[in-house]
Protein backbone atom coordinates (compact mmCIF):
# COMPACT_ATOMS: atom_id res chain seq x y z
CA MET A 1 111.88 119.33 100.82
CA VAL A 2 112.76 117.09 97.95
CA MET A 3 111.86 118.57 94.59
CA GLN A 4 109.94 115.97 92.11
CA SER A 5 113.03 115.56 90.12
CA ASP A 6 115.14 114.54 92.71
CA LYS A 7 113.00 111.85 93.78
CA TRP A 8 113.56 108.00 94.01
CA SER A 9 110.78 107.46 91.88
CA MET A 10 107.58 106.01 94.00
CA GLN A 11 105.76 104.88 90.82
CA GLY A 12 104.90 101.52 91.42
CA ARG A 13 106.43 100.96 94.82
CA THR A 14 104.78 99.25 97.43
CA VAL A 15 104.89 101.13 101.07
CA LEU A 16 103.59 99.87 104.28
CA VAL A 17 103.13 102.89 106.73
CA THR A 18 102.27 101.89 110.13
CA GLY A 19 99.66 104.16 112.13
CA GLY A 20 98.80 105.61 108.86
CA THR A 21 95.01 106.59 109.78
CA GLY A 22 95.97 109.66 111.49
CA GLY A 23 98.60 112.28 112.42
CA ILE A 24 102.03 112.36 110.80
CA GLY A 25 101.58 108.64 109.29
CA TYR A 26 98.36 109.60 107.45
CA GLN A 27 99.90 112.70 105.81
CA THR A 28 102.93 110.55 105.04
CA ALA A 29 100.68 107.97 103.31
CA ARG A 30 99.01 110.82 101.29
CA PHE A 31 102.13 112.01 99.80
CA LEU A 32 103.47 108.90 99.05
CA ALA A 33 100.33 107.77 97.21
CA ARG A 34 100.16 111.02 95.15
CA TRP A 35 103.64 110.14 93.97
CA GLY A 36 102.27 107.08 92.46
CA ALA A 37 103.16 104.62 95.40
CA GLN A 38 100.85 101.65 96.49
CA VAL A 39 100.31 102.25 100.00
CA LEU A 40 99.35 100.06 102.85
CA ILE A 41 98.25 101.80 106.15
CA THR A 42 97.68 100.27 109.55
CA GLY A 43 95.50 101.26 112.58
CA ARG A 44 93.73 99.83 115.42
CA GLU A 45 90.06 100.87 114.37
CA ALA A 46 88.49 99.17 111.49
CA ALA A 47 85.98 102.16 110.57
CA SER A 48 88.25 105.08 110.69
CA GLY A 49 91.31 102.85 109.05
CA GLU A 50 88.62 102.24 105.92
CA GLN A 51 87.69 105.99 105.97
CA ALA A 52 91.32 106.83 105.94
CA ALA A 53 92.23 104.66 103.02
CA ALA A 54 89.15 105.92 101.18
CA ALA A 55 90.43 109.49 101.58
CA ILE A 56 93.68 108.87 100.46
CA ARG A 57 92.31 107.02 97.37
CA ARG A 58 89.91 109.72 96.23
CA GLU A 59 92.48 112.43 96.87
CA SER A 60 95.67 110.83 95.23
CA GLY A 61 93.81 108.98 92.32
CA GLN A 62 95.77 105.81 93.40
CA GLU A 63 93.25 103.11 93.50
CA LEU A 64 96.12 100.91 95.35
CA VAL A 65 95.58 102.29 98.98
CA ARG A 66 94.63 99.60 101.58
CA PHE A 67 94.12 99.50 105.00
CA LEU A 68 95.20 96.69 107.38
CA GLN A 69 93.69 96.44 110.98
CA ALA A 70 96.48 95.59 113.40
CA ASP A 71 97.43 95.51 117.13
CA HIS A 72 100.94 96.97 117.52
CA ALA A 73 101.02 96.71 121.31
CA THR A 74 101.83 92.93 121.03
CA VAL A 75 104.33 90.83 119.58
CA GLY A 76 101.59 88.51 118.31
CA GLY A 77 99.85 91.54 116.59
CA ASN A 78 102.65 92.52 114.67
CA GLN A 79 103.33 89.11 113.63
CA ARG A 80 99.82 88.64 112.39
CA LEU A 81 100.10 92.08 110.62
CA ALA A 82 103.09 90.67 108.71
CA ASP A 83 100.92 87.76 107.56
CA GLN A 84 98.48 90.27 106.27
CA VAL A 85 101.05 92.07 104.45
CA ARG A 86 102.67 88.98 102.90
CA THR A 87 99.08 87.93 101.69
CA ALA A 88 98.13 91.58 100.39
CA VAL A 89 101.14 92.38 98.38
CA PRO A 90 103.78 90.22 96.44
CA GLY A 91 106.54 92.35 97.43
CA LEU A 92 107.48 95.35 99.70
CA ASP A 93 109.84 98.24 98.92
CA VAL A 94 109.72 100.59 101.85
CA LEU A 95 108.80 99.97 105.56
CA VAL A 96 107.89 103.13 107.35
CA ASN A 97 107.51 102.47 111.31
CA ASN A 98 105.63 105.55 112.24
CA VAL A 99 103.30 104.22 114.96
CA GLY A 100 104.08 105.01 118.58
CA GLY A 101 102.45 105.86 121.94
CA LEU A 102 102.75 108.06 125.08
CA TYR A 103 100.52 107.33 127.94
CA GLN A 104 99.56 109.34 131.08
CA THR A 105 99.36 106.25 133.24
CA ARG A 106 101.44 103.15 133.17
CA TRP A 107 99.65 100.00 131.68
CA GLU A 108 100.79 96.72 130.47
CA THR A 109 100.06 94.90 127.00
CA ALA A 110 98.82 91.37 126.84
CA ASP A 111 102.42 90.23 126.63
CA GLY A 112 102.70 91.76 130.22
CA TYR A 113 105.32 94.65 128.87
CA GLU A 114 105.00 98.15 129.71
CA ALA A 115 103.11 99.77 126.83
CA THR A 116 105.40 102.57 125.80
CA LEU A 117 108.11 100.04 125.66
CA ALA A 118 105.90 97.81 123.59
CA MET A 119 104.49 100.41 121.08
CA ASN A 120 107.94 102.38 120.33
CA PHE A 121 110.25 99.97 120.67
CA LEU A 122 109.19 96.02 120.50
CA GLY A 123 106.37 96.59 118.03
CA PRO A 124 108.84 97.98 115.24
CA PHE A 125 111.43 95.58 116.08
CA THR A 126 109.02 92.71 115.66
CA LEU A 127 107.48 93.87 112.48
CA THR A 128 110.52 94.89 111.02
CA SER A 129 112.24 91.56 111.67
CA GLU A 130 109.25 89.77 110.36
CA LEU A 131 108.94 91.65 107.08
CA LEU A 132 112.75 91.74 106.48
CA PRO A 133 112.69 88.90 103.87
CA LEU A 134 110.04 90.65 101.81
CA LEU A 135 111.97 93.74 101.89
CA GLN A 136 115.38 91.86 100.98
CA ALA A 137 113.56 89.98 98.10
CA ASN A 138 112.68 93.48 96.55
CA ALA A 139 116.29 94.99 96.85
CA PRO A 140 116.93 98.00 96.86
CA ALA A 141 114.52 98.50 99.62
CA ARG A 142 114.20 100.80 102.48
CA CYS A 143 113.25 101.04 106.08
CA LEU A 144 112.57 104.27 107.55
CA ASN A 145 111.90 104.26 111.45
CA VAL A 146 110.18 107.54 112.78
CA VAL A 147 111.27 108.66 116.10
CA SER A 148 111.31 111.70 118.08
CA ALA A 149 114.27 114.07 119.23
CA ALA A 150 113.12 113.34 122.81
CA PHE A 151 115.27 110.16 122.66
CA LYS A 152 118.41 112.45 123.26
CA MET A 153 116.86 113.57 126.69
CA TRP A 154 117.23 109.84 128.14
CA LYS A 155 120.62 109.92 130.15
CA PRO A 156 120.43 106.89 132.47
CA ASP A 157 121.40 103.59 131.35
CA PRO A 158 119.17 102.49 128.49
CA PHE A 159 118.83 99.09 129.96
CA GLN A 160 117.93 99.92 133.30
CA ASP A 161 114.07 99.82 134.40
CA LEU A 162 112.89 98.86 131.10
CA GLN A 163 109.44 98.28 132.43
CA SER A 164 109.16 101.76 134.13
CA ILE A 165 108.44 99.83 137.48
CA GLU A 166 110.70 101.65 139.80
CA ARG A 167 109.48 105.12 138.78
CA TYR A 168 106.76 105.78 135.92
CA VAL A 169 106.93 109.30 134.17
CA SER A 170 105.35 109.19 130.75
CA GLY A 171 107.56 111.54 129.00
CA ASN A 172 110.82 109.76 130.41
CA ALA A 173 109.23 106.15 129.34
CA TYR A 174 108.79 107.28 126.00
CA GLU A 175 112.28 109.04 125.77
CA HIS A 176 113.74 105.46 126.81
CA ALA A 177 111.67 103.69 124.39
CA LYS A 178 112.62 105.81 121.34
CA LEU A 179 116.26 105.67 122.38
CA LEU A 180 116.10 101.78 122.20
CA ASN A 181 114.39 102.16 118.87
CA VAL A 182 117.27 104.39 117.71
CA LEU A 183 119.90 101.72 118.95
CA PHE A 184 118.25 98.86 117.35
CA THR A 185 117.81 100.68 114.12
CA LEU A 186 121.48 101.41 113.78
CA GLU A 187 122.21 97.96 114.76
CA LEU A 188 120.03 96.74 111.68
CA ALA A 189 121.67 99.12 109.44
CA ARG A 190 125.13 97.70 110.40
CA ARG A 191 123.79 94.29 109.49
CA LEU A 192 122.46 94.77 106.21
CA PRO A 193 124.21 96.33 103.02
CA ALA A 194 122.69 99.81 102.13
CA GLU A 195 122.21 98.26 98.49
CA GLN A 196 119.98 95.70 99.76
CA VAL A 197 117.83 97.44 102.63
CA ALA A 198 118.75 100.96 103.44
CA VAL A 199 117.76 101.93 107.36
CA ASN A 200 117.50 105.12 108.60
CA LEU A 201 115.75 107.06 111.37
CA VAL A 202 113.77 110.45 111.04
CA HIS A 203 112.29 112.95 113.63
CA PRO A 204 109.78 114.84 111.51
CA GLY A 205 109.66 117.83 113.97
CA LEU A 206 106.90 119.24 116.32
CA SER A 207 103.20 118.95 115.05
CA TRP A 208 99.79 119.04 116.79
CA THR A 209 98.67 115.48 116.43
CA GLN A 210 96.27 113.62 119.07
CA MET A 211 99.21 112.29 120.73
CA THR A 212 100.76 115.97 121.39
CA GLN A 213 97.50 117.23 122.37
CA SER A 214 97.09 114.69 125.22
CA MET A 215 100.29 115.92 126.72
CA THR A 216 100.69 117.95 129.71
CA SER A 217 103.51 119.63 131.71
CA GLN A 218 103.35 116.56 133.85
CA THR A 219 104.21 114.38 130.88
CA MET A 220 107.61 115.99 130.31
CA PRO A 221 108.81 117.16 133.53
CA ALA A 222 112.00 118.13 132.07
CA LEU A 223 110.50 120.83 130.01
CA ARG A 224 108.10 122.08 132.44
CA LEU A 225 109.93 125.52 132.52
CA VAL A 226 109.43 125.95 128.67
CA TRP A 227 106.18 124.18 128.77
CA PRO A 228 104.08 127.29 127.38
CA LEU A 229 106.51 128.14 124.70
CA LEU A 230 106.73 124.27 123.58
CA ARG A 231 102.89 124.11 123.61
CA LEU A 232 102.77 127.30 121.43
CA LEU A 233 105.05 125.74 118.94
CA GLN A 234 103.16 122.59 118.73
CA ARG A 235 99.97 124.15 118.22
CA HIS A 236 101.53 126.01 115.15
CA ARG A 237 103.36 122.81 113.62
CA SER A 238 101.02 120.84 111.20
CA PRO A 239 101.05 117.09 110.83
CA GLU A 240 101.11 117.63 107.09
CA THR A 241 104.40 119.32 107.09
CA ALA A 242 105.79 116.62 109.20
CA GLY A 243 104.35 113.98 107.15
CA ARG A 244 105.71 115.64 103.92
CA ARG A 245 109.14 115.68 105.68
CA VAL A 246 109.02 111.89 106.14
CA ALA A 247 107.62 111.26 102.71
CA SER A 248 110.19 113.10 101.03
CA LEU A 249 112.99 111.51 102.83
CA VAL A 250 111.57 108.20 101.68
CA ALA A 251 111.62 109.32 98.06
CA SER A 252 114.85 111.15 98.32
CA PRO A 253 118.30 109.61 97.22
CA GLN A 254 119.59 110.67 100.50
CA ALA A 255 117.83 107.83 101.93
CA ALA A 256 119.89 105.20 99.77
CA ILE A 257 122.57 105.78 102.45
CA THR A 258 122.09 103.92 105.56
CA GLY A 259 122.34 104.35 109.49
CA GLN A 260 121.40 108.00 109.39
CA TYR A 261 119.33 110.04 111.54
CA PHE A 262 117.81 113.11 109.91
CA GLU A 263 115.63 116.12 111.43
CA ARG A 264 114.34 119.09 109.65
CA ASN A 265 116.76 119.03 106.46
CA PRO A 266 118.22 116.28 104.33
CA THR A 267 121.55 116.39 105.80
CA PRO A 268 122.13 113.71 108.45
CA ARG A 269 122.55 114.79 111.92
CA ARG A 270 125.46 113.20 113.87
CA LEU A 271 124.56 111.37 116.72
CA PRO A 272 126.28 111.49 120.36
CA ALA A 273 129.08 108.95 120.61
CA ARG A 274 127.05 106.89 123.24
CA HIS A 275 124.57 106.16 120.63
CA ARG A 276 127.22 105.26 118.11
CA ASP A 277 128.47 102.55 120.30
CA PRO A 278 128.18 99.10 118.19
CA MET A 279 128.16 97.34 121.65
CA VAL A 280 125.15 99.34 122.87
CA GLN A 281 123.34 98.71 119.37
CA GLN A 282 124.12 95.11 119.50
CA ARG A 283 122.84 95.00 123.12
CA ALA A 284 119.31 96.70 122.28
CA TRP A 285 118.87 94.35 119.22
CA GLU A 286 119.46 91.33 121.62
CA LEU A 287 117.05 92.96 124.04
CA GLY A 288 114.42 93.01 121.15
CA ARG A 289 115.08 89.43 120.38
CA GLN A 290 114.75 88.42 124.06
CA LEU A 291 111.50 90.25 124.58
CA VAL A 292 110.11 88.75 121.32
CA ALA A 293 110.88 85.19 122.40
CA GLU A 294 109.48 85.69 125.74
CA ALA A 295 106.39 87.36 124.89
CA PRO A 296 103.14 85.16 125.57
CA THR A 297 101.37 86.13 122.40
CA TYR A 298 104.95 85.44 120.24
CA SER A 299 103.91 82.51 117.49
CA ARG A 300 107.00 80.46 116.78
CA ALA A 301 105.10 79.45 113.67
CA GLY A 302 104.71 82.85 112.60
């Protein structure tokens, strides 16, 4: 946990937290607002989103908390969200890509992409690309992508069966998509000077959220032997603790470095060599660009 005196001052900073109406995203937004940030949160449902924003305003005393309705599952939806952000605020200091999804059955978005890939990889890729000029204009800015340590469990080629057509197991699709998120994030960090936009990754730890509550032993077959223990741990880990961990990293001097992966403490964790390969990272970036360009909802005027 970062002590107040060690913080990169959040007073007056503008932060976008995707998926900020519940779970870890909501708790992240709560802490950042309490520390003085102007916070934008996103979600699918207008009623619950407005309620979440109002609750954060009441608790934090920060009036500059706003909800933006968004469809993170499509390229066009993320482009429209970026338009909303550009209209809502003159600048952006921090982007927290928190939103994600894990689904028991395979389904495709309006773009025709498998939903896990769309929500955990292509959505953050699209939104980050769209908002990058806004972040660069507010340098030094920060981009923090929330991932899961599950990405380490994906052993096959990251670029095979992208749409999970050959075989769909929800947990495997999630691992795969989160790994692609990690790879594109590291490539973005290589492309940008840290003093312009510091780009990092965080695994906030286990927590009992709507997503984890929906999981079963069939979701993550590789963990079926330890499933009862994992379930017990999940039930006793709060979204508040995980959200504070994310918010603390946003506000930490440690986040001024770039291209790092964090877990439970402020010391970066070294990733395996296969994830640090610049050619693999670049390939993930090019994949993101290709999928964006081929998406039916993509607006070239956006």
